[in-house]
Amino acid sequence: MSGDGRRGAGESRLCHNWMMTVVCHECGAELPAGLSCETYFHRALAWDFEDPAGAGAVHHLTVLCYFLQHPSRYSPEG
């Protein structure tokens, strides 16, 4: 921040670079620390059920894409 407490034009990017991130070992996605692909998957599932005609219409694709990118989550039952 500048001496007067305001952010300069290039400082917000610098602050972003300091944010802790993690990388998913299966799909390679860069995620904010403390979150996981599974967290985002569960959020997507919630949207599917909140809006059955919209996001819910492609629920099968949401599930398929997640599991194709995260094969360790496969189960013999699935």
Protein backbone atom coordinates (compact mmCIF):
# COMPACT_ATOMS: atom_id res chain seq x y z
CA MET A 1 0.00 0.00 0.00
CA SER A 2 1.02 3.55 -0.49
CA GLY A 3 1.93 5.71 2.47
CA ASP A 4 -1.58 7.19 2.45
CA GLY A 5 -3.28 3.76 2.79
CA ARG A 6 -4.42 3.45 -0.83
CA ARG A 7 -3.29 0.67 -3.14
CA GLY A 8 -1.14 1.61 -6.07
CA ALA A 9 -1.91 0.34 -9.57
CA GLY A 10 0.54 -2.59 -9.42
CA GLU A 11 0.17 -3.44 -5.75
CA SER A 12 -3.01 -5.52 -5.97
CA ARG A 13 -1.21 -7.96 -8.22
CA LEU A 14 1.68 -8.15 -5.78
CA CYS A 15 -0.77 -8.93 -2.97
CA HIS A 16 -2.31 -11.67 -5.14
CA ASN A 17 1.11 -13.25 -5.60
CA TRP A 18 1.43 -13.53 -1.83
CA MET A 19 -1.78 -15.54 -1.49
CA MET A 20 -1.10 -19.11 -0.44
CA THR A 21 -2.13 -21.66 -3.04
CA VAL A 22 -2.01 -25.42 -3.39
CA VAL A 23 -1.99 -27.59 -6.50
CA CYS A 24 -4.25 -30.62 -6.87
CA HIS A 25 -2.00 -33.65 -7.40
CA GLU A 26 -4.56 -35.27 -9.71
CA CYS A 27 -5.79 -32.55 -12.06
CA GLY A 28 -3.14 -29.87 -11.55
CA ALA A 29 -5.60 -27.10 -10.65
CA GLU A 30 -4.17 -24.24 -8.60
CA LEU A 31 -6.46 -23.64 -5.63
CA PRO A 32 -6.54 -21.20 -2.71
CA ALA A 33 -5.02 -22.79 0.38
CA GLY A 34 -7.66 -24.53 2.48
CA LEU A 35 -9.87 -25.41 -0.49
CA SER A 36 -9.85 -28.53 -2.62
CA CYS A 37 -11.31 -29.74 -5.88
CA GLU A 38 -13.76 -31.76 -3.81
CA THR A 39 -14.96 -28.54 -2.14
CA TYR A 40 -15.65 -27.01 -5.54
CA PHE A 41 -17.31 -30.23 -6.73
CA HIS A 42 -19.69 -30.17 -3.76
CA ARG A 43 -20.51 -26.52 -4.48
CA ALA A 44 -21.30 -27.45 -8.07
CA LEU A 45 -23.56 -30.27 -6.86
CA ALA A 46 -25.41 -27.81 -4.62
CA TRP A 47 -25.99 -25.53 -7.63
CA ASP A 48 -27.28 -28.55 -9.59
CA PHE A 49 -29.97 -29.16 -6.99
CA GLU A 50 -30.77 -25.48 -6.43
CA ASP A 51 -31.48 -25.00 -10.15
CA PRO A 52 -32.66 -28.31 -11.64
CA ALA A 53 -33.63 -26.76 -14.97
CA GLY A 54 -30.33 -24.90 -15.36
CA ALA A 55 -27.22 -26.40 -13.78
CA GLY A 56 -29.13 -29.56 -12.87
CA ALA A 57 -29.74 -30.28 -16.53
CA VAL A 58 -26.02 -31.04 -16.91
CA HIS A 59 -25.55 -32.76 -13.54
CA HIS A 60 -24.30 -35.90 -15.25
CA LEU A 61 -21.56 -33.89 -16.98
CA THR A 62 -20.49 -32.26 -13.71
CA VAL A 63 -20.04 -35.65 -12.08
CA LEU A 64 -18.38 -37.21 -15.12
CA CYS A 65 -15.84 -34.38 -15.51
CA TYR A 66 -14.90 -34.39 -11.84
CA PHE A 67 -14.31 -38.13 -11.73
CA LEU A 68 -12.40 -38.21 -15.03
CA GLN A 69 -10.04 -35.57 -13.61
CA HIS A 70 -9.79 -37.30 -10.20
CA PRO A 71 -9.53 -41.04 -10.93
CA SER A 72 -8.51 -41.97 -7.37
CA ARG A 73 -12.10 -41.22 -6.39
CA TYR A 74 -13.41 -44.10 -8.54
CA SER A 75 -14.96 -46.98 -6.70
CA PRO A 76 -15.92 -50.49 -7.83
CA GLU A 77 -19.56 -49.54 -7.15
CA GLY A 78 -19.35 -46.43 -9.34
